C-alpha atoms as a PDB file:
ATOM      1  CA  MET A   1     -12.224  -8.418  30.158  1.00  0.00           C
ATOM      2  CA  ALA A   2     -14.531  -5.843  28.651  1.00  0.00           C
ATOM      3  CA  GLY A   3     -17.526  -6.813  26.546  1.00  0.00           C
ATOM      4  CA  LYS A   4     -19.059 -10.208  25.990  1.00  0.00           C
ATOM      5  CA  ALA A   5     -17.069 -13.125  24.690  1.00  0.00           C
ATOM      6  CA  GLY A   6     -17.710 -13.667  20.997  1.00  0.00           C
ATOM      7  CA  ARG A   7     -19.619 -10.412  20.630  1.00  0.00           C
ATOM      8  CA  SER A   8     -16.926  -7.835  21.265  1.00  0.00           C
ATOM      9  CA  GLY A   9     -14.306  -6.605  18.870  1.00  0.00           C
ATOM     10  CA  PRO A  10     -14.236  -6.519  15.119  1.00  0.00           C
ATOM     11  CA  LYS A  11     -16.241  -8.859  12.937  1.00  0.00           C
ATOM     12  CA  ALA A  12     -14.562 -11.898  11.408  1.00  0.00           C
ATOM     13  CA  GLY A  13     -12.542 -10.980   8.346  1.00  0.00           C
ATOM     14  CA  ASN A  14     -12.110  -7.345   9.385  1.00  0.00           C
ATOM     15  CA  ILE A  15      -8.488  -6.518   8.530  1.00  0.00           C
ATOM     16  CA  ASN A  16      -8.416  -3.633  11.011  1.00  0.00           C
ATOM     17  CA  ALA A  17      -7.935  -6.260  13.699  1.00  0.00           C
ATOM     18  CA  SER A  18      -5.172  -8.080  11.850  1.00  0.00           C
ATOM     19  CA  LYS A  19      -1.781  -8.364  13.437  1.00  0.00           C
ATOM     20  CA  ASN A  20       1.486  -8.922  11.676  1.00  0.00           C
ATOM     21  CA  GLY A  21       3.453 -10.608  14.425  1.00  0.00           C
ATOM     22  CA  THR A  22       4.588  -7.339  16.003  1.00  0.00           C
ATOM     23  CA  ARG A  23       2.890  -4.542  17.872  1.00  0.00           C
ATOM     24  CA  LEU A  24       2.678  -2.635  14.604  1.00  0.00           C
ATOM     25  CA  THR A  25      -0.710  -3.129  12.970  1.00  0.00           C
ATOM     26  CA  ARG A  26      -0.873  -0.263  10.487  1.00  0.00           C
ATOM     27  CA  LEU A  27       1.116   2.882   9.787  1.00  0.00           C
ATOM     28  CA  THR A  28      -0.935   6.062   9.594  1.00  0.00           C
ATOM     29  CA  LEU A  29      -1.243   8.130   6.451  1.00  0.00           C
ATOM     30  CA  GLY A  30      -1.433  11.505   8.138  1.00  0.00           C
ATOM     31  CA  GLU A  31      -4.157  14.057   7.736  1.00  0.00           C
ATOM     32  CA  LEU A  32      -5.002  16.277   4.811  1.00  0.00           C
ATOM     33  CA  PRO A  33      -7.203  19.391   4.749  1.00  0.00           C
ATOM     34  CA  LYS A  34     -10.955  18.772   4.775  1.00  0.00           C
ATOM     35  CA  THR A  35     -11.168  19.789   1.116  1.00  0.00           C
ATOM     36  CA  MET A  36      -9.101  16.682   0.282  1.00  0.00           C
ATOM     37  CA  ARG A  37     -11.159  14.192   2.271  1.00  0.00           C
ATOM     38  CA  ARG A  38     -11.973  12.156  -0.834  1.00  0.00           C
ATOM     39  CA  GLN A  39      -8.278  11.793  -1.723  1.00  0.00           C
ATOM     40  CA  LEU A  40      -7.510  10.498   1.767  1.00  0.00           C
ATOM     41  CA  GLN A  41     -10.449   8.078   1.683  1.00  0.00           C
ATOM     42  CA  THR A  42      -9.325   6.760  -1.692  1.00  0.00           C
ATOM     43  CA  ALA A  43      -5.772   6.255  -0.414  1.00  0.00           C
ATOM     44  CA  ARG A  44      -7.047   4.445   2.668  1.00  0.00           C
ATOM     45  CA  LYS A  45      -9.188   2.190   0.471  1.00  0.00           C
ATOM     46  CA  TYR A  46      -6.136   1.490  -1.708  1.00  0.00           C
ATOM     47  CA  ARG A  47      -4.120   0.639   1.421  1.00  0.00           C
ATOM     48  CA  ARG A  48      -6.783  -1.716   2.768  1.00  0.00           C
ATOM     49  CA  GLY A  49      -6.973  -3.480  -0.587  1.00  0.00           C
ATOM     50  CA  LEU A  50      -3.198  -3.844  -0.769  1.00  0.00           C
ATOM     51  CA  GLU A  51      -3.049  -5.143   2.814  1.00  0.00           C
ATOM     52  CA  ALA A  52      -5.757  -7.682   1.993  1.00  0.00           C
ATOM     53  CA  LEU A  53      -3.827  -8.846  -1.084  1.00  0.00           C
ATOM     54  CA  VAL A  54      -0.612  -9.247   0.917  1.00  0.00           C
ATOM     55  CA  ASP A  55      -2.443 -11.068   3.691  1.00  0.00           C
ATOM     56  CA  GLU A  56      -4.088 -13.394   1.180  1.00  0.00           C
ATOM     57  CA  ALA A  57      -0.853 -14.078  -0.704  1.00  0.00           C
ATOM     58  CA  LYS A  58       1.522 -14.430   2.253  1.00  0.00           C
ATOM     59  CA  GLY A  59      -0.738 -15.267   5.176  1.00  0.00           C
ATOM     60  CA  SER A  60       0.324 -12.210   7.193  1.00  0.00           C
ATOM     61  CA  VAL A  61       1.715  -8.712   6.817  1.00  0.00           C
ATOM     62  CA  THR A  62       5.314  -8.437   8.007  1.00  0.00           C
ATOM     63  CA  VAL A  63       6.922  -5.222   9.187  1.00  0.00           C
ATOM     64  CA  THR A  64       8.708  -4.871   5.846  1.00  0.00           C
ATOM     65  CA  ASP A  65       5.429  -5.429   4.014  1.00  0.00           C
ATOM     66  CA  ALA A  66       3.763  -2.787   6.206  1.00  0.00           C
ATOM     67  CA  HIS A  67       6.433  -0.253   5.288  1.00  0.00           C
ATOM     68  CA  LEU A  68       6.190  -1.073   1.594  1.00  0.00           C
ATOM     69  CA  ILE A  69       2.406  -0.747   1.787  1.00  0.00           C
ATOM     70  CA  ASP A  70       2.859   2.597   3.550  1.00  0.00           C
ATOM     71  CA  GLU A  71       5.252   3.728   0.814  1.00  0.00           C
ATOM     72  CA  ALA A  72       2.753   2.760  -1.889  1.00  0.00           C
ATOM     73  CA  ALA A  73      -0.152   4.420  -0.052  1.00  0.00           C
ATOM     74  CA  GLY A  74       1.883   7.579   0.549  1.00  0.00           C
ATOM     75  CA  ALA A  75       2.753   7.752  -3.134  1.00  0.00           C
ATOM     76  CA  GLU A  76      -0.923   7.297  -3.960  1.00  0.00           C
ATOM     77  CA  VAL A  77      -1.802  10.236  -1.663  1.00  0.00           C
ATOM     78  CA  HIS A  78       0.885  12.358  -3.305  1.00  0.00           C
ATOM     79  CA  ALA A  79      -0.384  11.560  -6.791  1.00  0.00           C
ATOM     80  CA  SER A  80      -4.011  12.200  -5.829  1.00  0.00           C
ATOM     81  CA  VAL A  81      -3.124  15.596  -4.308  1.00  0.00           C
ATOM     82  CA  CYS A  82      -1.309  16.558  -7.511  1.00  0.00           C
ATOM     83  CA  ARG A  83      -4.283  15.391  -9.590  1.00  0.00           C
ATOM     84  CA  TRP A  84      -6.581  17.442  -7.335  1.00  0.00           C
ATOM     85  CA  LEU A  85      -4.420  20.514  -7.893  1.00  0.00           C
ATOM     86  CA  LEU A  86      -4.544  19.985 -11.641  1.00  0.00           C
ATOM     87  CA  ARG A  87      -8.303  19.502 -11.535  1.00  0.00           C
ATOM     88  CA  THR A  88      -9.191  22.452  -9.285  1.00  0.00           C
ATOM     89  CA  ARG A  89      -6.411  25.018  -9.715  1.00  0.00           C
ATOM     90  CA  LEU A  90      -5.507  24.615 -13.371  1.00  0.00           C
ATOM     91  CA  ASP A  91      -6.688  28.109 -14.323  1.00  0.00           C
ATOM     92  CA  LYS A  92      -4.372  29.691 -11.706  1.00  0.00           C
ATOM     93  CA  MET A  93      -1.317  27.567 -12.531  1.00  0.00           C
ATOM     94  CA  THR A  94       1.469  28.522 -14.911  1.00  0.00           C
ATOM     95  CA  VAL A  95       2.649  26.167 -17.618  1.00  0.00           C
ATOM     96  CA  SER A  96       5.689  25.206 -15.541  1.00  0.00           C
ATOM     97  CA  ASP A  97       3.451  24.507 -12.502  1.00  0.00           C
ATOM     98  CA  VAL A  98       1.285  22.185 -14.609  1.00  0.00           C
ATOM     99  CA  ALA A  99       4.352  20.421 -15.987  1.00  0.00           C
ATOM    100  CA  ARG A 100       5.851  20.050 -12.501  1.00  0.00           C
ATOM    101  CA  CYS A 101       2.580  18.728 -11.108  1.00  0.00           C
ATOM    102  CA  SER A 102       2.253  16.216 -13.941  1.00  0.00           C
ATOM    103  CA  GLU A 103       5.853  15.142 -13.377  1.00  0.00           C
ATOM    104  CA  GLN A 104       5.112  14.601  -9.680  1.00  0.00           C
ATOM    105  CA  VAL A 105       2.133  12.397 -10.563  1.00  0.00           C
ATOM    106  CA  MET A 106       4.373  10.239 -12.753  1.00  0.00           C
ATOM    107  CA  LYS A 107       7.094  10.032 -10.083  1.00  0.00           C
ATOM    108  CA  ALA A 108       4.537   9.051  -7.442  1.00  0.00           C
ATOM    109  CA  ARG A 109       3.211   6.316  -9.729  1.00  0.00           C
ATOM    110  CA  ALA A 110       6.748   5.002 -10.222  1.00  0.00           C
ATOM    111  CA  VAL A 111       7.366   4.957  -6.453  1.00  0.00           C
ATOM    112  CA  ARG A 112       4.039   3.206  -5.870  1.00  0.00           C
ATOM    113  CA  ASN A 113       4.701   0.626  -8.572  1.00  0.00           C
ATOM    114  CA  ARG A 114       8.205  -0.120  -7.241  1.00  0.00           C
ATOM    115  CA  ALA A 115       6.860  -0.598  -3.717  1.00  0.00           C
ATOM    116  CA  VAL A 116       4.127  -2.950  -4.922  1.00  0.00           C
ATOM    117  CA  GLU A 117       6.642  -4.857  -7.033  1.00  0.00           C
ATOM    118  CA  ARG A 118       8.934  -5.268  -4.003  1.00  0.00           C
ATOM    119  CA  LEU A 119       6.015  -6.813  -2.095  1.00  0.00           C
ATOM    120  CA  GLY A 120       6.384  -9.793  -4.435  1.00  0.00           C
ATOM    121  CA  LEU A 121       2.683 -10.431  -4.937  1.00  0.00           C
ATOM    122  CA  ASP A 122       3.226 -11.788  -8.454  1.00  0.00           C
ATOM    123  CA  ALA A 123       5.850 -14.298  -7.377  1.00  0.00           C
ATOM    124  CA  PRO A 124       4.634 -17.868  -7.594  1.00  0.00           C
ATOM    125  CA  PRO A 125       4.343 -19.600  -4.231  1.00  0.00           C
ATOM    126  CA  SER A 126       7.460 -21.499  -3.299  1.00  0.00           C
ATOM    127  CA  ASN A 127       7.218 -25.229  -3.670  1.00  0.00           C
ATOM    128  CA  PRO A 128       9.477 -27.193  -1.307  1.00  0.00           C
ATOM    129  CA  TRP A 129       9.773 -29.974  -3.907  1.00  0.00           C
ATOM    130  CA  ASP A 130      11.210 -27.744  -6.627  1.00  0.00           C
ATOM    131  CA  ILE A 131      14.842 -28.462  -7.381  1.00  0.00           C
ATOM    132  CA  ASP A 132      17.192 -25.784  -8.637  1.00  0.00           C
ATOM    133  CA  VAL A 133      18.763 -27.503 -11.662  1.00  0.00           C
ATOM    134  CA  GLU A 134      21.528 -24.921 -12.086  1.00  0.00           C
ATOM    135  CA  GLN A 135      22.636 -25.352  -8.496  1.00  0.00           C
ATOM    136  CA  GLU A 136      22.772 -29.157  -8.826  1.00  0.00           C
ATOM    137  CA  GLU A 137      24.943 -28.911 -11.933  1.00  0.00           C
ATOM    138  CA  THR A 138      27.462 -26.685 -10.159  1.00  0.00           C
ATOM    139  CA  ASP A 139      27.634 -29.060  -7.185  1.00  0.00           C
ATOM    140  CA  ASP A 140      28.960 -31.934  -9.352  1.00  0.00           C
END
């Protein structure tokens, strides 16, 4: 074993060391050019926050959750790249390029929002004592 027991590895609460029950810990976002370093950092921060929310709400990140988080983070990268293009290259873009870029931002937001919705973070925690009244009525 490398290192000293209790002193090696990530600090307590560091989600980089979290496991989700499989060998998969985190999907990678891929690299962007150095000029877009801030966009990639923002997307990684968004991903870490989303992973922390899922971990807090569900107790762990499943493989399906990891893929939905990756989908949301990828959409966030896509939207931030389009926003960067609008911010830095607006004077060189045609009207149709601006419209297409704006449309891509909106589509990326929709993809991100659908992925986050499918994570089910807003769902109330299941209570084993709840009884489905409709199901009981049909059983009679």
